[in-house]
C-alpha atoms as a PDB file:
ATOM      1  CA  MET A   1       0.291  89.214 -12.437  1.00  0.00           C
ATOM      2  CA  ASN A   2       1.747  88.612  -8.672  1.00  0.00           C
ATOM      3  CA  GLN A   3      -2.071  87.493  -7.843  1.00  0.00           C
ATOM      4  CA  ILE A   4      -2.276  85.086 -10.604  1.00  0.00           C
ATOM      5  CA  LEU A   5       1.074  83.635  -9.660  1.00  0.00           C
ATOM      6  CA  ALA A   6      -0.029  83.504  -6.050  1.00  0.00           C
ATOM      7  CA  THR A   7      -2.984  81.995  -6.862  1.00  0.00           C
ATOM      8  CA  GLU A   8      -1.146  79.115  -8.621  1.00  0.00           C
ATOM      9  CA  LYS A   9       1.236  78.544  -5.846  1.00  0.00           C
ATOM     10  CA  LEU A  10      -1.635  78.340  -3.580  1.00  0.00           C
ATOM     11  CA  TYR A  11      -3.257  75.224  -5.409  1.00  0.00           C
ATOM     12  CA  VAL A  12       0.149  73.127  -5.155  1.00  0.00           C
ATOM     13  CA  THR A  13      -0.491  72.544  -1.153  1.00  0.00           C
ATOM     14  CA  PRO A  14       1.561  69.916   0.560  1.00  0.00           C
ATOM     15  CA  GLU A  15      -1.377  67.365   0.439  1.00  0.00           C
ATOM     16  CA  LEU A  16      -1.336  67.577  -3.270  1.00  0.00           C
ATOM     17  CA  LYS A  17       2.376  67.230  -3.340  1.00  0.00           C
ATOM     18  CA  ARG A  18       1.793  63.889  -0.967  1.00  0.00           C
ATOM     19  CA  LYS A  19      -0.738  62.446  -3.621  1.00  0.00           C
ATOM     20  CA  ARG A  20       1.600  63.245  -6.538  1.00  0.00           C
ATOM     21  CA  VAL A  21       4.190  61.328  -4.647  1.00  0.00           C
ATOM     22  CA  ILE A  22       1.626  58.316  -4.138  1.00  0.00           C
ATOM     23  CA  TYR A  23       0.495  58.443  -7.769  1.00  0.00           C
ATOM     24  CA  LYS A  24       4.049  58.097  -8.852  1.00  0.00           C
ATOM     25  CA  VAL A  25       4.903  55.451  -6.462  1.00  0.00           C
ATOM     26  CA  GLU A  26       1.888  53.139  -7.419  1.00  0.00           C
ATOM     27  CA  PHE A  27       2.573  53.594 -10.933  1.00  0.00           C
ATOM     28  CA  PHE A  28       5.992  52.493 -10.970  1.00  0.00           C
ATOM     29  CA  LEU A  29       4.860  49.746  -8.736  1.00  0.00           C
ATOM     30  CA  SER A  30       1.986  48.807 -10.950  1.00  0.00           C
ATOM     31  CA  ILE A  31       4.958  48.516 -13.732  1.00  0.00           C
ATOM     32  CA  PHE A  32       7.148  46.481 -11.443  1.00  0.00           C
ATOM     33  CA  LEU A  33       4.439  44.088 -10.605  1.00  0.00           C
ATOM     34  CA  ILE A  34       3.289  43.405 -14.038  1.00  0.00           C
ATOM     35  CA  CYS A  35       6.883  42.783 -15.268  1.00  0.00           C
ATOM     36  CA  LEU A  36       7.313  40.587 -12.244  1.00  0.00           C
ATOM     37  CA  LEU A  37       4.070  38.621 -13.300  1.00  0.00           C
ATOM     38  CA  PHE A  38       4.811  38.424 -16.779  1.00  0.00           C
ATOM     39  CA  SER A  39       8.611  37.056 -15.661  1.00  0.00           C
ATOM     40  CA  TYR A  40       7.016  34.310 -13.498  1.00  0.00           C
ATOM     41  CA  TYR A  41       4.592  33.306 -16.382  1.00  0.00           C
ATOM     42  CA  VAL A  42       7.710  33.055 -18.550  1.00  0.00           C
ATOM     43  CA  TYR A  43       9.617  31.385 -16.537  1.00  0.00           C
ATOM     44  CA  ALA A  44       6.561  28.682 -15.546  1.00  0.00           C
ATOM     45  CA  GLU A  45       5.960  28.268 -19.319  1.00  0.00           C
ATOM     46  CA  TYR A  46       9.928  27.509 -19.437  1.00  0.00           C
ATOM     47  CA  ASP A  47       9.420  24.969 -16.160  1.00  0.00           C
ATOM     48  CA  ARG A  48       6.722  23.371 -17.398  1.00  0.00           C
ATOM     49  CA  ASN A  49       8.107  22.525 -21.067  1.00  0.00           C
ATOM     50  CA  LYS A  50      11.552  21.727 -19.362  1.00  0.00           C
ATOM     51  CA  THR A  51       9.771  19.154 -17.119  1.00  0.00           C
ATOM     52  CA  ALA A  52       7.447  17.804 -20.015  1.00  0.00           C
ATOM     53  CA  GLU A  53      10.897  17.273 -21.994  1.00  0.00           C
ATOM     54  CA  VAL A  54      11.451  14.271 -19.527  1.00  0.00           C
ATOM     55  CA  SER A  55       8.371  12.457 -21.101  1.00  0.00           C
ATOM     56  CA  GLN A  56       9.991  12.573 -24.539  1.00  0.00           C
ATOM     57  CA  GLU A  57      13.223  11.671 -22.964  1.00  0.00           C
ATOM     58  CA  ILE A  58      11.342   8.379 -21.652  1.00  0.00           C
ATOM     59  CA  LEU A  59       9.612   7.795 -25.067  1.00  0.00           C
ATOM     60  CA  ALA A  60      13.104   7.645 -26.704  1.00  0.00           C
ATOM     61  CA  GLN A  61      14.378   4.993 -24.634  1.00  0.00           C
ATOM     62  CA  LEU A  62      11.006   2.885 -25.807  1.00  0.00           C
ATOM     63  CA  GLU A  63      12.796   1.816 -29.291  1.00  0.00           C
ATOM     64  CA  TYR A  64       9.853  -0.592 -30.157  1.00  0.00           C
ATOM     65  CA  ASN A  65       7.896   2.710 -30.359  1.00  0.00           C
ATOM     66  CA  LYS A  66       9.408   2.952 -33.700  1.00  0.00           C
ATOM     67  CA  GLU A  67       8.407  -0.096 -35.210  1.00  0.00           C
ATOM     68  CA  ASP A  68       5.113  -0.851 -37.003  1.00  0.00           C
ATOM     69  CA  THR A  69       3.509  -3.956 -34.692  1.00  0.00           C
ATOM     70  CA  THR A  70       0.081  -2.771 -35.256  1.00  0.00           C
ATOM     71  CA  VAL A  71      -2.390  -5.528 -34.448  1.00  0.00           C
ATOM     72  CA  LYS A  72      -5.744  -6.313 -35.894  1.00  0.00           C
ATOM     73  CA  LYS A  73      -8.793  -7.567 -34.549  1.00  0.00           C
ATOM     74  CA  ALA A  74      -9.935 -10.878 -36.433  1.00  0.00           C
ATOM     75  CA  ASP A  75     -13.765 -11.748 -36.738  1.00  0.00           C
ATOM     76  CA  ASN A  76     -13.371 -14.264 -33.775  1.00  0.00           C
ATOM     77  CA  ASP A  77     -12.033 -11.419 -31.665  1.00  0.00           C
ATOM     78  CA  VAL A  78      -8.377 -12.952 -31.241  1.00  0.00           C
ATOM     79  CA  ILE A  79      -5.632 -10.503 -31.363  1.00  0.00           C
ATOM     80  CA  VAL A  80      -3.331 -11.316 -34.191  1.00  0.00           C
ATOM     81  CA  VAL A  81      -0.003  -9.445 -35.598  1.00  0.00           C
ATOM     82  CA  ILE A  82       0.417  -9.168 -39.171  1.00  0.00           C
ATOM     83  CA  LEU A  83       4.131 -10.103 -39.776  1.00  0.00           C
ATOM     84  CA  ASN A  84       5.748 -12.400 -42.026  1.00  0.00           C
ATOM     85  CA  LYS A  85       7.893 -15.020 -41.074  1.00  0.00           C
ATOM     86  CA  GLU A  86      11.475 -13.402 -41.172  1.00  0.00           C
ATOM     87  CA  GLU A  87       9.736 -10.308 -39.582  1.00  0.00           C
ATOM     88  CA  GLU A  88       8.200 -12.955 -36.904  1.00  0.00           C
ATOM     89  CA  ASP A  89      11.534 -14.473 -35.942  1.00  0.00           C
ATOM     90  CA  LYS A  90      13.163 -10.937 -35.589  1.00  0.00           C
ATOM     91  CA  HIS A  91      10.074  -9.789 -33.566  1.00  0.00           C
ATOM     92  CA  THR A  92      10.139 -12.735 -31.339  1.00  0.00           C
ATOM     93  CA  GLU A  93      13.981 -12.353 -30.607  1.00  0.00           C
ATOM     94  CA  GLU A  94      13.636  -8.555 -29.807  1.00  0.00           C
ATOM     95  CA  ARG A  95      10.364  -9.363 -27.418  1.00  0.00           C
ATOM     96  CA  ASN A  96      12.942 -11.420 -25.240  1.00  0.00           C
ATOM     97  CA  THR A  97      15.342  -8.470 -24.653  1.00  0.00           C
ATOM     98  CA  ARG A  98      12.198  -5.789 -24.115  1.00  0.00           C
ATOM     99  CA  PRO A  99      10.858  -4.982 -20.898  1.00  0.00           C
ATOM    100  CA  ASN A 100       8.506  -6.747 -18.888  1.00  0.00           C
ATOM    101  CA  ILE A 101       4.881  -6.345 -20.437  1.00  0.00           C
ATOM    102  CA  ASP A 102       3.521  -4.956 -16.789  1.00  0.00           C
ATOM    103  CA  THR A 103       6.031  -1.846 -16.215  1.00  0.00           C
ATOM    104  CA  ALA A 104       9.590  -0.594 -16.915  1.00  0.00           C
ATOM    105  CA  THR A 105      11.567   1.669 -15.173  1.00  0.00           C
ATOM    106  CA  TYR A 106      14.086   4.372 -16.908  1.00  0.00           C
ATOM    107  CA  THR A 107      16.214   6.957 -15.066  1.00  0.00           C
ATOM    108  CA  SER A 108      16.263  10.370 -16.697  1.00  0.00           C
ATOM    109  CA  LYS A 109      19.077  12.715 -16.909  1.00  0.00           C
ATOM    110  CA  ASP A 110      18.269  14.348 -13.537  1.00  0.00           C
ATOM    111  CA  GLY A 111      18.530  10.749 -11.689  1.00  0.00           C
ATOM    112  CA  VAL A 112      14.625  10.515 -11.406  1.00  0.00           C
ATOM    113  CA  LYS A 113      13.122   7.002 -11.988  1.00  0.00           C
ATOM    114  CA  TYR A 114       9.975   6.661 -13.474  1.00  0.00           C
ATOM    115  CA  THR A 115       7.782   3.571 -14.239  1.00  0.00           C
ATOM    116  CA  THR A 116       5.764   3.402 -17.354  1.00  0.00           C
ATOM    117  CA  GLU A 117       3.705   1.075 -18.943  1.00  0.00           C
ATOM    118  CA  SER A 118       2.482   2.166 -22.403  1.00  0.00           C
ATOM    119  CA  VAL A 119       2.611   4.934 -24.893  1.00  0.00           C
ATOM    120  CA  LEU A 120      -0.349   6.698 -26.164  1.00  0.00           C
ATOM    121  CA  LYS A 121      -0.433   8.263 -29.626  1.00  0.00           C
ATOM    122  CA  ILE A 122      -3.036  10.568 -30.929  1.00  0.00           C
ATOM    123  CA  PRO A 123      -1.938  11.576 -34.808  1.00  0.00           C
ATOM    124  CA  LYS A 124      -5.208  14.102 -34.889  1.00  0.00           C
ATOM    125  CA  ILE A 125      -3.678  16.436 -32.136  1.00  0.00           C
ATOM    126  CA  GLY A 126       0.046  15.662 -32.899  1.00  0.00           C
ATOM    127  CA  ILE A 127       0.664  14.008 -29.617  1.00  0.00           C
ATOM    128  CA  GLU A 128       2.797  10.991 -28.329  1.00  0.00           C
ATOM    129  CA  TYR A 129       3.413  10.500 -24.649  1.00  0.00           C
ATOM    130  CA  PRO A 130       4.741   7.664 -22.343  1.00  0.00           C
ATOM    131  CA  VAL A 131       1.872   6.476 -19.908  1.00  0.00           C
ATOM    132  CA  LEU A 132       3.545   6.448 -16.375  1.00  0.00           C
ATOM    133  CA  SER A 133       1.913   3.702 -14.193  1.00  0.00           C
ATOM    134  CA  GLU A 134       0.734   6.037 -11.286  1.00  0.00           C
ATOM    135  CA  THR A 135      -0.854   9.339 -10.617  1.00  0.00           C
ATOM    136  CA  SER A 136       0.396  12.259  -8.619  1.00  0.00           C
ATOM    137  CA  PRO A 137       0.633  15.911  -8.892  1.00  0.00           C
ATOM    138  CA  ASP A 138       4.490  15.220  -9.595  1.00  0.00           C
ATOM    139  CA  LEU A 139       3.928  12.785 -12.363  1.00  0.00           C
ATOM    140  CA  LEU A 140       1.088  14.983 -13.822  1.00  0.00           C
ATOM    141  CA  TYR A 141       4.049  17.650 -14.662  1.00  0.00           C
ATOM    142  CA  VAL A 142       6.179  15.043 -16.167  1.00  0.00           C
ATOM    143  CA  SER A 143       3.678  12.820 -18.595  1.00  0.00           C
ATOM    144  CA  ILE A 144       0.219  11.567 -18.734  1.00  0.00           C
ATOM    145  CA  ASN A 145      -0.595   9.257 -15.987  1.00  0.00           C
ATOM    146  CA  LYS A 146      -2.282   6.031 -15.561  1.00  0.00           C
ATOM    147  CA  TYR A 147      -5.418   6.341 -13.361  1.00  0.00           C
ATOM    148  CA  TRP A 148      -7.313   3.329 -13.228  1.00  0.00           C
ATOM    149  CA  GLY A 149      -8.006   0.021 -15.085  1.00  0.00           C
ATOM    150  CA  PRO A 150      -6.578  -3.335 -16.422  1.00  0.00           C
ATOM    151  CA  GLU A 151      -2.993  -3.687 -18.075  1.00  0.00           C
ATOM    152  CA  PRO A 152      -2.836  -1.529 -21.550  1.00  0.00           C
ATOM    153  CA  ASN A 153      -4.516  -3.079 -24.293  1.00  0.00           C
ATOM    154  CA  GLU A 154      -6.783  -5.468 -22.075  1.00  0.00           C
ATOM    155  CA  VAL A 155     -10.403  -6.159 -21.593  1.00  0.00           C
ATOM    156  CA  GLY A 156     -11.470  -3.380 -19.470  1.00  0.00           C
ATOM    157  CA  ASN A 157     -11.474   0.378 -19.233  1.00  0.00           C
ATOM    158  CA  TYR A 158      -7.807   1.952 -19.187  1.00  0.00           C
ATOM    159  CA  CYS A 159      -8.008   5.406 -17.789  1.00  0.00           C
ATOM    160  CA  ILE A 160      -5.399   8.027 -18.550  1.00  0.00           C
ATOM    161  CA  VAL A 161      -5.170  11.471 -16.872  1.00  0.00           C
ATOM    162  CA  GLY A 162      -3.095  14.208 -18.002  1.00  0.00           C
ATOM    163  CA  HIS A 163      -3.125  18.190 -17.386  1.00  0.00           C
ATOM    164  CA  TYR A 164      -4.409  20.409 -19.800  1.00  0.00           C
ATOM    165  CA  TYR A 165      -2.045  23.525 -21.083  1.00  0.00           C
ATOM    166  CA  GLU A 166      -2.856  26.106 -23.114  1.00  0.00           C
ATOM    167  CA  SER A 167       0.423  25.696 -24.999  1.00  0.00           C
ATOM    168  CA  GLY A 168      -1.161  22.067 -26.100  1.00  0.00           C
ATOM    169  CA  ILE A 169       1.037  20.014 -24.516  1.00  0.00           C
ATOM    170  CA  MET A 170      -0.008  16.979 -22.616  1.00  0.00           C
ATOM    171  CA  PHE A 171      -3.846  16.750 -23.203  1.00  0.00           C
ATOM    172  CA  GLY A 172      -3.695  20.395 -24.054  1.00  0.00           C
ATOM    173  CA  LYS A 173      -5.566  19.744 -27.436  1.00  0.00           C
ATOM    174  CA  LEU A 174      -7.794  16.823 -26.222  1.00  0.00           C
ATOM    175  CA  HIS A 175     -10.798  18.946 -26.731  1.00  0.00           C
ATOM    176  CA  LYS A 176     -10.036  19.078 -30.286  1.00  0.00           C
ATOM    177  CA  LEU A 177     -11.050  15.356 -30.825  1.00  0.00           C
ATOM    178  CA  LYS A 178     -14.182  14.072 -32.222  1.00  0.00           C
ATOM    179  CA  ASN A 179     -16.211  10.898 -32.765  1.00  0.00           C
ATOM    180  CA  GLY A 180     -14.416   8.737 -35.151  1.00  0.00           C
ATOM    181  CA  ASP A 181     -10.946  10.246 -34.193  1.00  0.00           C
ATOM    182  CA  ILE A 182      -7.928   7.675 -33.723  1.00  0.00           C
ATOM    183  CA  ALA A 183      -5.544   6.769 -30.932  1.00  0.00           C
ATOM    184  CA  GLU A 184      -2.674   4.059 -30.586  1.00  0.00           C
ATOM    185  CA  LEU A 185      -1.764   2.480 -27.243  1.00  0.00           C
ATOM    186  CA  THR A 186       1.343   0.446 -27.438  1.00  0.00           C
ATOM    187  CA  ASP A 187       2.021  -1.540 -24.686  1.00  0.00           C
ATOM    188  CA  LEU A 188       5.778  -2.512 -23.305  1.00  0.00           C
ATOM    189  CA  SER A 189       5.832  -5.726 -25.392  1.00  0.00           C
ATOM    190  CA  GLY A 190       5.333  -3.717 -28.888  1.00  0.00           C
ATOM    191  CA  ARG A 191       1.910  -4.365 -28.981  1.00  0.00           C
ATOM    192  CA  LYS A 192      -0.366  -1.699 -30.507  1.00  0.00           C
ATOM    193  CA  ILE A 193      -4.022  -1.483 -30.743  1.00  0.00           C
ATOM    194  CA  LYS A 194      -6.188   1.464 -32.081  1.00  0.00           C
ATOM    195  CA  TYR A 195      -9.354   2.766 -30.232  1.00  0.00           C
ATOM    196  CA  GLN A 196     -11.834   5.121 -31.828  1.00  0.00           C
ATOM    197  CA  VAL A 197     -13.761   7.962 -29.965  1.00  0.00           C
ATOM    198  CA  TYR A 198     -17.167   7.286 -29.086  1.00  0.00           C
ATOM    199  CA  ASP A 199     -18.043   9.839 -26.834  1.00  0.00           C
ATOM    200  CA  LYS A 200     -16.937  13.310 -25.426  1.00  0.00           C
ATOM    201  CA  TYR A 201     -18.292  14.934 -22.171  1.00  0.00           C
ATOM    202  CA  VAL A 202     -17.753  17.077 -19.331  1.00  0.00           C
ATOM    203  CA  VAL A 203     -18.293  16.246 -15.828  1.00  0.00           C
ATOM    204  CA  GLU A 204     -17.940  17.609 -12.265  1.00  0.00           C
ATOM    205  CA  PRO A 205     -14.951  16.493 -10.472  1.00  0.00           C
ATOM    206  CA  THR A 206     -16.205  14.297  -8.150  1.00  0.00           C
ATOM    207  CA  ASP A 207     -17.914  12.310 -10.972  1.00  0.00           C
ATOM    208  CA  THR A 208     -16.069   8.798 -11.346  1.00  0.00           C
ATOM    209  CA  SER A 209     -18.634   6.911 -13.104  1.00  0.00           C
ATOM    210  CA  CYS A 210     -15.957   7.469 -16.271  1.00  0.00           C
ATOM    211  CA  THR A 211     -13.838   4.894 -14.824  1.00  0.00           C
ATOM    212  CA  SER A 212     -16.477   2.240 -14.548  1.00  0.00           C
ATOM    213  CA  GLN A 213     -14.986  -1.325 -15.882  1.00  0.00           C
ATOM    214  CA  MET A 214     -18.443  -2.275 -17.359  1.00  0.00           C
ATOM    215  CA  THR A 215     -17.313  -2.408 -21.069  1.00  0.00           C
ATOM    216  CA  ASN A 216     -19.079  -5.386 -21.817  1.00  0.00           C
ATOM    217  CA  GLY A 217     -15.869  -7.611 -22.458  1.00  0.00           C
ATOM    218  CA  LYS A 218     -14.506  -4.497 -24.614  1.00  0.00           C
ATOM    219  CA  LYS A 219     -11.076  -2.788 -24.545  1.00  0.00           C
ATOM    220  CA  GLU A 220     -11.764   0.881 -24.092  1.00  0.00           C
ATOM    221  CA  LEU A 221      -9.739   3.929 -23.044  1.00  0.00           C
ATOM    222  CA  THR A 222     -10.977   7.068 -21.057  1.00  0.00           C
ATOM    223  CA  LEU A 223      -8.874  10.247 -21.650  1.00  0.00           C
ATOM    224  CA  ILE A 224      -9.307  12.716 -18.787  1.00  0.00           C
ATOM    225  CA  THR A 225      -8.133  16.252 -18.411  1.00  0.00           C
ATOM    226  CA  CYS A 226      -9.443  19.952 -16.856  1.00  0.00           C
ATOM    227  CA  THR A 227     -11.605  22.015 -18.612  1.00  0.00           C
ATOM    228  CA  ASN A 228     -13.301  25.300 -17.595  1.00  0.00           C
ATOM    229  CA  TYR A 229     -10.165  26.826 -15.593  1.00  0.00           C
ATOM    230  CA  GLY A 230     -10.167  23.460 -13.802  1.00  0.00           C
ATOM    231  CA  LYS A 231     -13.540  23.736 -12.481  1.00  0.00           C
ATOM    232  CA  GLN A 232     -14.539  20.544 -14.248  1.00  0.00           C
ATOM    233  CA  ARG A 233     -13.502  17.550 -16.281  1.00  0.00           C
ATOM    234  CA  LEU A 234     -13.308  16.802 -19.897  1.00  0.00           C
ATOM    235  CA  VAL A 235     -13.949  13.288 -20.800  1.00  0.00           C
ATOM    236  CA  VAL A 236     -13.103  11.465 -23.912  1.00  0.00           C
ATOM    237  CA  LYS A 237     -14.137   7.495 -24.399  1.00  0.00           C
ATOM    238  CA  LEU A 238     -12.325   5.642 -27.093  1.00  0.00           C
ATOM    239  CA  ARG A 239     -13.231   1.655 -28.165  1.00  0.00           C
ATOM    240  CA  GLU A 240     -11.028  -0.854 -29.864  1.00  0.00           C
ATOM    241  CA  VAL A 241     -11.521  -0.926 -33.541  1.00  0.00           C
END
């Protein structure tokens, strides 16, 4: 009996004790790091959504967005607004008090100023965001940005970039669009034009051919976001209908 106990004690060496302590430290350290990373993810998601709320704050200030001023393209390619006389008079009066068609500057609750020039709405994926007039890393956290092109709803290729988020905000659901789906772009005069998806493809980050202004006199939209974990870019092309 004593020999067995002595043998068992013999196996519990200082080296073994040291390893046990190391294993315990590593185990608790792993748990701590997992909790830390999870907390960081939760905070990052909260901060991201909080920043994105500014876009809805800006959107709320664009009162024209609540009106139905849809425009249609006539056979002679002239844009006409479908309004009766009473609505037309009201529309004209309100247009005189609206921001300039090019851009409008809004100050958020935290005092930061943002310049907006249009609003993009895509019913299929349930998004509606103001298009900020410039592109920068900071602005991309707030809303979608104009990347290149003419004034909104003018002849040419109006290019918009936005972050891809797994939560679906910004351009997180852009990959769900298919040919035939509709997007609406409203400029700051209240003019709303519908665009239809006609192509969708993936390019390398260095490929900017999708921003070409060769549209054969048509009005087009190009929507761009990240894909494949940021290694490539998803491009969705739309044309006025």
